[in-house]
Protein backbone atom coordinates (compact mmCIF):
# COMPACT_ATOMS: atom_id res chain seq x y z
CA MET A 1 -1.55 0.57 -16.26
CA SER A 2 -0.03 4.04 -16.08
CA LEU A 3 -1.08 7.61 -15.42
CA VAL A 4 -0.94 9.82 -18.50
CA LYS A 5 -2.03 13.04 -16.83
CA LEU A 6 -2.46 14.24 -13.26
CA GLN A 7 -4.22 17.39 -12.05
CA LEU A 8 -4.31 18.70 -8.49
CA ASN A 9 -6.46 21.52 -7.14
CA ASP A 10 -6.20 22.89 -3.59
CA PHE A 11 -4.26 19.85 -2.40
CA ARG A 12 -1.83 20.62 0.44
CA ASN A 13 0.19 23.67 -0.66
CA ILE A 14 -0.60 23.12 -4.35
CA GLN A 15 -3.26 25.52 -5.61
CA GLN A 16 -3.30 24.11 -9.13
CA ALA A 17 -0.99 21.83 -11.07
CA SER A 18 -1.25 19.79 -14.26
CA LEU A 19 1.40 17.19 -15.10
CA GLN A 20 1.88 15.26 -18.35
CA LEU A 21 3.55 12.08 -17.17
CA SER A 22 5.98 9.49 -18.46
CA PRO A 23 4.80 5.87 -18.53
CA GLY A 24 8.18 5.01 -17.02
CA LEU A 25 10.11 7.13 -14.54
CA ASN A 26 8.86 10.44 -13.12
CA ILE A 27 11.21 12.32 -10.79
CA LEU A 28 10.06 15.17 -8.54
CA VAL A 29 12.88 17.33 -7.24
CA GLY A 30 12.66 20.08 -4.64
CA ASN A 31 13.58 21.19 -1.16
CA ASN A 32 11.87 19.80 1.91
CA GLY A 33 8.38 21.25 2.23
CA SER A 34 8.20 22.24 -1.44
CA GLY A 35 5.26 19.95 -2.22
CA LYS A 36 6.93 17.05 -4.01
CA THR A 37 5.68 14.43 -1.53
CA SER A 38 2.20 15.91 -1.92
CA VAL A 39 2.18 14.71 -5.53
CA LEU A 40 2.83 11.15 -4.34
CA GLU A 41 0.15 11.62 -1.70
CA ALA A 42 -2.35 12.69 -4.38
CA ILE A 43 -1.64 9.57 -6.45
CA HIS A 44 -1.95 7.47 -3.29
CA TYR A 45 -5.34 9.11 -2.68
CA LEU A 46 -6.47 8.19 -6.19
CA GLY A 47 -5.28 4.61 -5.73
CA LEU A 48 -6.44 3.90 -2.19
CA GLY A 49 -8.88 6.67 -1.32
CA ARG A 50 -6.79 7.93 1.58
CA SER A 51 -3.59 9.73 2.52
CA PHE A 52 -0.49 7.95 3.81
CA ARG A 53 0.40 10.98 5.94
CA THR A 54 -2.77 11.78 7.90
CA HIS A 55 -6.28 10.54 8.63
CA LEU A 56 -7.63 14.11 8.77
CA THR A 57 -8.96 15.47 5.48
CA GLY A 58 -8.64 19.05 6.73
CA ARG A 59 -4.86 18.75 6.78
CA VAL A 60 -4.79 17.77 3.12
CA VAL A 61 -7.00 20.63 1.90
CA ARG A 62 -5.13 23.82 1.02
CA GLN A 63 -5.45 26.48 3.68
CA GLY A 64 -8.55 28.63 3.26
CA GLU A 65 -10.33 26.20 0.92
CA LYS A 66 -13.29 23.87 1.54
CA GLY A 67 -11.96 20.83 -0.27
CA PHE A 68 -9.62 19.43 -2.89
CA VAL A 69 -10.08 17.94 -6.37
CA LEU A 70 -7.84 15.33 -8.02
CA PHE A 71 -8.12 14.18 -11.62
CA ALA A 72 -6.12 11.69 -13.65
CA GLN A 73 -6.17 10.01 -17.02
CA CYS A 74 -5.17 6.34 -16.86
CA GLU A 75 -3.90 4.28 -19.75
CA LEU A 76 -5.38 0.80 -19.38
CA GLU A 77 -5.18 -1.94 -22.00
CA GLY A 78 -5.05 0.55 -24.87
CA ARG A 79 -7.84 2.80 -23.64
CA THR A 80 -7.86 6.00 -21.60
CA VAL A 81 -9.92 5.98 -18.41
CA PRO A 82 -10.49 9.31 -16.59
CA ILE A 83 -10.85 9.21 -12.82
CA GLY A 84 -11.71 12.04 -10.45
CA LEU A 85 -11.92 12.44 -6.70
CA ALA A 86 -13.30 15.47 -4.87
CA LYS A 87 -13.31 15.59 -1.09
CA GLU A 88 -14.38 18.31 1.33
CA LYS A 89 -13.30 18.95 4.90
CA ASN A 90 -16.70 17.81 6.17
CA GLY A 91 -16.12 14.38 4.63
CA ASP A 92 -18.36 14.73 1.56
CA THR A 93 -16.78 12.75 -1.26
CA GLN A 94 -17.48 12.52 -4.98
CA LEU A 95 -15.87 9.83 -7.07
CA LYS A 96 -16.05 9.42 -10.84
CA ILE A 97 -14.59 6.68 -13.00
CA ALA A 98 -14.88 6.92 -16.79
CA GLY A 99 -17.42 9.73 -16.38
CA ALA A 100 -19.79 7.74 -14.17
CA GLN A 101 -20.42 8.19 -10.47
CA ALA A 102 -18.79 5.47 -8.38
CA GLN A 103 -19.76 4.54 -4.84
CA ARG A 104 -16.89 2.41 -3.58
CA LEU A 105 -13.31 3.46 -2.98
CA ALA A 106 -12.47 -0.18 -3.68
CA ASP A 107 -13.26 0.57 -7.33
CA LEU A 108 -10.34 3.02 -7.31
CA ALA A 109 -8.04 0.49 -5.68
CA GLU A 110 -8.94 -2.13 -8.27
CA LEU A 111 -8.31 0.25 -11.17
CA LEU A 112 -5.12 1.87 -9.88
CA PRO A 113 -2.82 -0.49 -7.92
CA VAL A 114 -0.30 1.61 -5.98
CA GLN A 115 2.68 0.63 -3.83
CA LEU A 116 4.37 3.16 -1.56
CA ILE A 117 7.93 3.09 -0.21
CA HIS A 118 8.69 5.98 2.14
CA PRO A 119 10.99 6.80 5.09
CA ASP A 120 8.28 6.15 7.69
CA GLY A 121 7.35 2.76 6.25
CA PHE A 122 9.25 0.79 8.90
CA ASP A 123 6.02 0.11 10.79
CA LEU A 124 5.37 -2.63 8.25
CA LEU A 125 8.01 -4.59 10.17
CA THR A 126 8.34 -2.87 13.54
CA GLY A 127 4.68 -2.15 14.30
CA GLY A 128 1.83 -4.45 15.23
CA PRO A 129 0.20 -6.98 12.88
CA GLN A 130 -2.21 -4.52 11.23
CA PRO A 131 0.24 -3.03 8.66
CA ARG A 132 1.44 -6.50 7.64
CA ARG A 133 -2.14 -7.72 7.39
CA ALA A 134 -2.93 -4.72 5.17
CA TRP A 135 0.14 -5.52 3.03
CA LEU A 136 -1.04 -9.10 2.65
CA ASP A 137 -4.64 -8.14 1.90
CA TRP A 138 -3.54 -5.67 -0.80
CA GLY A 139 -2.03 -8.58 -2.69
CA VAL A 140 -4.98 -10.91 -2.13
CA PHE A 141 -7.42 -8.16 -3.17
CA HIS A 142 -5.73 -7.85 -6.56
CA GLN A 143 -5.55 -11.63 -7.10
CA GLN A 144 -8.87 -12.94 -5.78
CA PRO A 145 -12.00 -11.28 -7.23
CA GLY A 146 -14.17 -12.44 -4.32
CA PHE A 147 -11.82 -11.29 -1.59
CA PHE A 148 -13.26 -7.82 -0.98
CA SER A 149 -16.80 -9.14 -0.54
CA LEU A 150 -15.59 -11.92 1.75
CA TRP A 151 -13.49 -9.52 3.82
CA GLY A 152 -16.51 -7.22 4.22
CA ARG A 153 -18.73 -10.07 5.41
CA VAL A 154 -16.13 -11.14 7.97
CA ARG A 155 -15.85 -7.59 9.29
CA ARG A 156 -19.62 -7.31 9.67
CA LEU A 157 -19.79 -10.64 11.50
CA LEU A 158 -17.05 -9.56 13.89
CA LYS A 159 -18.86 -6.30 14.58
CA GLN A 160 -22.09 -8.18 15.31
CA ARG A 161 -20.31 -10.70 17.52
CA ASN A 162 -18.53 -8.00 19.52
CA ALA A 163 -21.85 -6.23 20.08
CA LEU A 164 -23.46 -9.48 21.25
CA LEU A 165 -20.61 -10.12 23.67
CA ARG A 166 -21.78 -7.12 25.67
CA SER A 167 -25.34 -8.40 26.05
CA ALA A 168 -25.27 -12.20 25.77
CA THR A 169 -25.77 -14.26 28.91
CA GLN A 170 -25.18 -17.68 27.33
CA TYR A 171 -22.92 -18.86 24.55
CA ARG A 172 -25.82 -20.29 22.53
CA GLN A 173 -26.80 -16.69 21.74
CA LEU A 174 -23.59 -16.43 19.69
CA ALA A 175 -23.47 -19.97 18.29
CA PHE A 176 -25.09 -19.15 14.93
CA TRP A 177 -22.80 -16.18 14.30
CA ASP A 178 -19.74 -18.17 15.30
CA GLN A 179 -20.53 -20.98 12.86
CA GLU A 180 -20.65 -18.48 10.01
CA LEU A 181 -17.56 -16.63 11.24
CA ALA A 182 -15.62 -19.89 11.45
CA ARG A 183 -16.63 -20.88 7.92
CA LEU A 184 -15.78 -17.52 6.36
CA GLY A 185 -12.66 -17.18 8.49
CA ASP A 186 -11.32 -20.45 7.10
CA GLU A 187 -12.00 -19.25 3.56
CA LEU A 188 -10.28 -15.92 4.17
CA ALA A 189 -7.29 -17.61 5.79
CA GLY A 190 -7.00 -19.89 2.77
CA PHE A 191 -6.78 -16.92 0.40
CA ARG A 192 -4.15 -15.26 2.55
CA ALA A 193 -2.06 -18.39 3.04
CA SER A 194 -2.03 -19.16 -0.70
CA TYR A 195 -0.91 -15.64 -1.59
CA CYS A 196 1.79 -15.60 1.08
CA GLN A 197 3.15 -18.90 -0.19
CA ALA A 198 3.09 -17.69 -3.80
CA ILE A 199 4.93 -14.42 -3.19
CA THR A 200 7.58 -15.72 -0.77
CA PRO A 201 10.00 -16.91 -3.51
CA LEU A 202 9.95 -13.45 -5.13
CA ILE A 203 10.72 -11.75 -1.81
CA GLN A 204 13.54 -14.19 -1.12
CA GLU A 205 14.93 -13.63 -4.62
CA MET A 206 15.08 -9.88 -4.00
CA THR A 207 16.47 -10.13 -0.49
CA ALA A 208 19.22 -12.39 -1.83
CA ASP A 209 20.42 -9.25 -3.65
CA PHE A 210 19.50 -6.62 -1.05
CA LEU A 211 20.45 -8.57 2.09
CA PRO A 212 22.74 -11.43 0.99
CA GLU A 213 24.06 -11.89 4.53
CA PHE A 214 20.61 -12.92 5.79
CA ASP A 215 18.30 -15.83 5.12
CA ILE A 216 14.83 -14.25 5.05
CA SER A 217 11.77 -16.39 5.78
CA LEU A 218 8.06 -15.59 5.92
CA GLY A 219 5.51 -17.36 8.06
CA PHE A 220 1.75 -16.84 7.85
CA TYR A 221 -0.25 -16.85 11.08
CA ARG A 222 -3.96 -17.06 10.33
CA GLY A 223 -5.14 -15.61 13.65
CA TRP A 224 -5.65 -18.85 15.57
CA GLU A 225 -3.75 -22.07 16.12
CA LYS A 226 -3.92 -24.28 13.04
CA ASP A 227 -4.51 -27.52 14.95
CA THR A 228 -7.84 -26.37 16.44
CA PRO A 229 -10.96 -25.38 14.47
CA LEU A 230 -11.85 -21.71 14.83
CA GLY A 231 -15.41 -22.55 15.92
CA GLU A 232 -14.12 -24.49 18.92
CA LEU A 233 -11.78 -21.67 19.93
CA LEU A 234 -14.57 -19.10 19.70
CA GLU A 235 -16.78 -21.18 21.98
CA ALA A 236 -13.97 -21.92 24.43
CA GLY A 237 -13.04 -18.24 24.59
CA PHE A 238 -16.55 -16.92 25.18
CA GLU A 239 -16.03 -15.78 28.78
CA ARG A 240 -12.60 -14.36 28.01
CA ASP A 241 -13.98 -12.41 25.06
CA GLN A 242 -16.83 -11.09 27.21
CA ASN A 243 -14.30 -9.77 29.71
CA LEU A 244 -12.20 -8.25 26.93
CA GLY A 245 -15.19 -6.82 25.10
CA TYR A 246 -13.99 -8.09 21.73
CA THR A 247 -13.17 -11.30 19.84
CA GLY A 248 -9.68 -12.50 20.71
CA VAL A 249 -9.08 -15.03 17.92
CA GLY A 250 -9.95 -15.11 14.25
CA PRO A 251 -8.89 -13.70 10.87
CA GLN A 252 -8.76 -10.17 12.32
CA LYS A 253 -5.63 -11.31 14.20
CA ALA A 254 -3.77 -12.64 11.15
CA ASP A 255 -0.11 -11.73 10.73
CA VAL A 256 2.92 -12.27 8.51
CA ARG A 257 5.99 -13.08 10.57
CA LEU A 258 9.35 -12.34 8.99
CA LYS A 259 12.64 -13.72 10.24
CA ALA A 260 16.26 -13.06 9.32
CA ASN A 261 18.55 -16.00 10.07
CA GLY A 262 15.80 -17.43 12.25
CA VAL A 263 15.43 -14.27 14.37
CA PRO A 264 12.50 -11.80 14.13
CA ALA A 265 13.62 -9.35 11.45
CA GLN A 266 12.94 -6.23 13.53
CA ASP A 267 15.27 -7.53 16.26
CA ILE A 268 18.34 -8.04 14.08
CA LEU A 269 18.18 -5.68 11.09
CA SER A 270 19.40 -2.07 11.07
CA ARG A 271 17.18 0.78 9.86
CA GLY A 272 18.76 0.64 6.42
CA GLN A 273 18.34 -3.13 6.27
CA LEU A 274 14.72 -2.85 7.40
CA LYS A 275 14.08 -0.38 4.59
CA LEU A 276 15.59 -2.82 2.10
CA LEU A 277 13.36 -5.61 3.38
CA VAL A 278 10.31 -3.35 3.09
CA CYS A 279 11.42 -2.47 -0.45
CA ALA A 280 11.73 -6.18 -1.27
CA MET A 281 8.25 -6.91 0.08
CA ARG A 282 6.61 -4.10 -1.87
CA LEU A 283 8.60 -4.61 -5.06
CA ALA A 284 7.77 -8.31 -4.97
CA GLN A 285 4.07 -7.49 -4.71
CA GLY A 286 4.26 -5.14 -7.67
CA LEU A 287 6.25 -7.61 -9.76
CA TYR A 288 3.88 -10.46 -8.86
CA LEU A 289 0.90 -8.33 -9.89
CA ASN A 290 2.59 -7.41 -13.17
CA GLN A 291 3.16 -11.11 -13.88
CA HIS A 292 -0.43 -12.13 -13.15
CA SER A 293 -2.51 -9.15 -14.23
CA SER A 294 -2.80 -6.67 -17.08
CA ARG A 295 -2.99 -3.85 -14.51
CA GLY A 296 0.59 -3.11 -13.59
CA CYS A 297 1.44 -1.60 -10.25
CA ILE A 298 2.50 2.06 -9.89
CA PHE A 299 5.39 2.62 -7.47
CA LEU A 300 5.69 5.73 -5.31
CA ILE A 301 9.16 6.18 -3.80
CA ASP A 302 9.48 9.06 -1.33
CA ASP A 303 13.02 10.22 -0.53
CA PHE A 304 14.80 7.61 -2.64
CA ALA A 305 18.23 7.99 -1.02
CA SER A 306 17.08 7.84 2.61
CA GLU A 307 18.89 5.18 4.68
CA LEU A 308 20.52 3.58 1.60
CA ASP A 309 24.17 3.52 0.58
CA ILE A 310 25.35 3.81 -3.02
CA ASP A 311 25.33 0.09 -3.81
CA LYS A 312 21.87 -0.45 -2.36
CA ARG A 313 20.49 2.51 -4.30
CA ARG A 314 21.81 0.94 -7.48
CA LEU A 315 20.20 -2.40 -6.61
CA LEU A 316 16.87 -0.73 -5.88
CA ALA A 317 17.09 1.23 -9.14
CA ALA A 318 17.80 -1.98 -11.07
CA ARG A 319 14.85 -3.77 -9.48
CA LEU A 320 12.52 -0.88 -10.26
CA LYS A 321 13.61 -1.03 -13.90
CA GLN A 322 13.02 -4.79 -13.89
CA CYS A 323 9.41 -4.22 -12.87
CA ALA A 324 8.93 -2.29 -16.15
CA THR A 325 6.16 -0.16 -14.72
CA GLN A 326 5.45 3.47 -13.88
CA VAL A 327 7.53 4.92 -11.05
CA PHE A 328 7.35 8.24 -9.18
CA ILE A 329 10.38 9.26 -7.11
CA THR A 330 11.00 12.30 -4.92
CA ALA A 331 14.47 13.63 -4.18
CA ILE A 332 16.14 16.83 -3.04
CA ASP A 333 18.36 16.75 -6.13
CA THR A 334 19.03 14.44 -9.07
CA SER A 335 22.64 13.55 -8.28
CA GLN A 336 21.70 10.24 -6.64
CA LEU A 337 19.32 9.30 -9.45
CA ALA A 338 21.55 9.78 -12.48
CA ASP A 339 21.86 6.08 -13.27
CA MET A 340 18.07 5.79 -13.48
CA MET A 341 17.47 8.72 -15.80
CA ASP A 342 16.82 7.66 -19.38
CA ALA A 343 15.98 10.43 -21.84
CA ASN A 344 13.46 8.22 -23.61
CA ASP A 345 11.60 7.08 -20.53
CA CYS A 346 12.02 9.74 -17.87
CA LYS A 347 10.44 13.05 -16.98
CA LEU A 348 11.86 15.45 -14.43
CA PHE A 349 9.72 17.93 -12.50
CA HIS A 350 10.93 20.76 -10.31
CA VAL A 351 8.76 21.58 -7.29
CA GLU A 352 9.05 24.85 -5.39
CA GLN A 353 6.51 26.26 -2.93
CA GLY A 354 3.67 24.29 -4.47
CA LYS A 355 4.55 25.20 -8.06
CA ILE A 356 5.44 22.30 -10.38
CA SER A 357 7.23 22.64 -13.70
CA GLU A 358 8.75 20.11 -16.07
CA THR A 359 12.46 20.56 -16.71
CA LEU A 360 14.99 19.13 -19.15
CA GLU A 361 17.83 19.25 -16.64
CA LYS A 362 20.22 16.30 -16.68
CA ALA A 363 21.78 14.80 -13.61
CA GLU A 364 25.45 14.38 -12.91
CA SER A 365 26.03 11.07 -11.23
CA LYS A 366 27.52 11.06 -7.73
CA LEU A 367 26.97 7.36 -7.32
């Protein structure tokens, strides 16, 4: 899977841009605020149906306009698939895949797997469980065809249960819902646990290069104690959940717990080391997908040099090449990317005040 062409209209500070892309490395160079990160954001929108910078559509639409339009041509298994996304400030959304109207943003995610590495990505390790759960579910989604439907059913059950908690006077009013939630929760936890176990060796292989001084381990927490059936915990916690107003145990509380030398990773690693661990986690997901699917992952790397020294940049560059997939990188200049630039597999774009142009400039290595 790769993007052959990308068009942006009224997206951030970009009025109109059309890019013919490399199936390998694409580098976007420009000053801060020039619009280079907006190109990554547009690809992220096409892959996940949302921005990684804001939840407010109005901030993504170019000033003075009602909405934005994104279009791309994807190369997939020898055929070209056009995709388009139009979104207005009022929330109205139109989505087309291969010329046909599509209803689910999940269809975009399935078609265009995207992994993002950016300077503010530390919350994957330093924030609450939700970002790690999302990281885990991205991988399961692309490996288990029935995951999205199962995940949706669990969410609906939780919503119904939480509503009943506010009106129920006896536990038996929730018993039916809890039986179904326990059954589906076990199934969902099984998918997550299997994926976590499968990808752990790849993460450890990469961290052996990135962080050789640390022994990195991953532990999956399913959202409730493994020695007690979920149904029993839901019943036992009925009064507590009523007081809280929501369900306190279950798959919605799942987490991935990472340790370095037996200590929670966020407590022992520096910012640069945390970034390397995040890189390892996301690169491992992309590599695992490439190994088990015909739809390779697209990597978006914002501010490549941030927090990394020369040796670590070289390691990251080598791992990206190993993935043999399409990569988009932003940088202020090309000096720190020279070792990655291959004339046969690289395109360089200059971005200035929302204007994007392809350039043949070559980098001089300062590595």
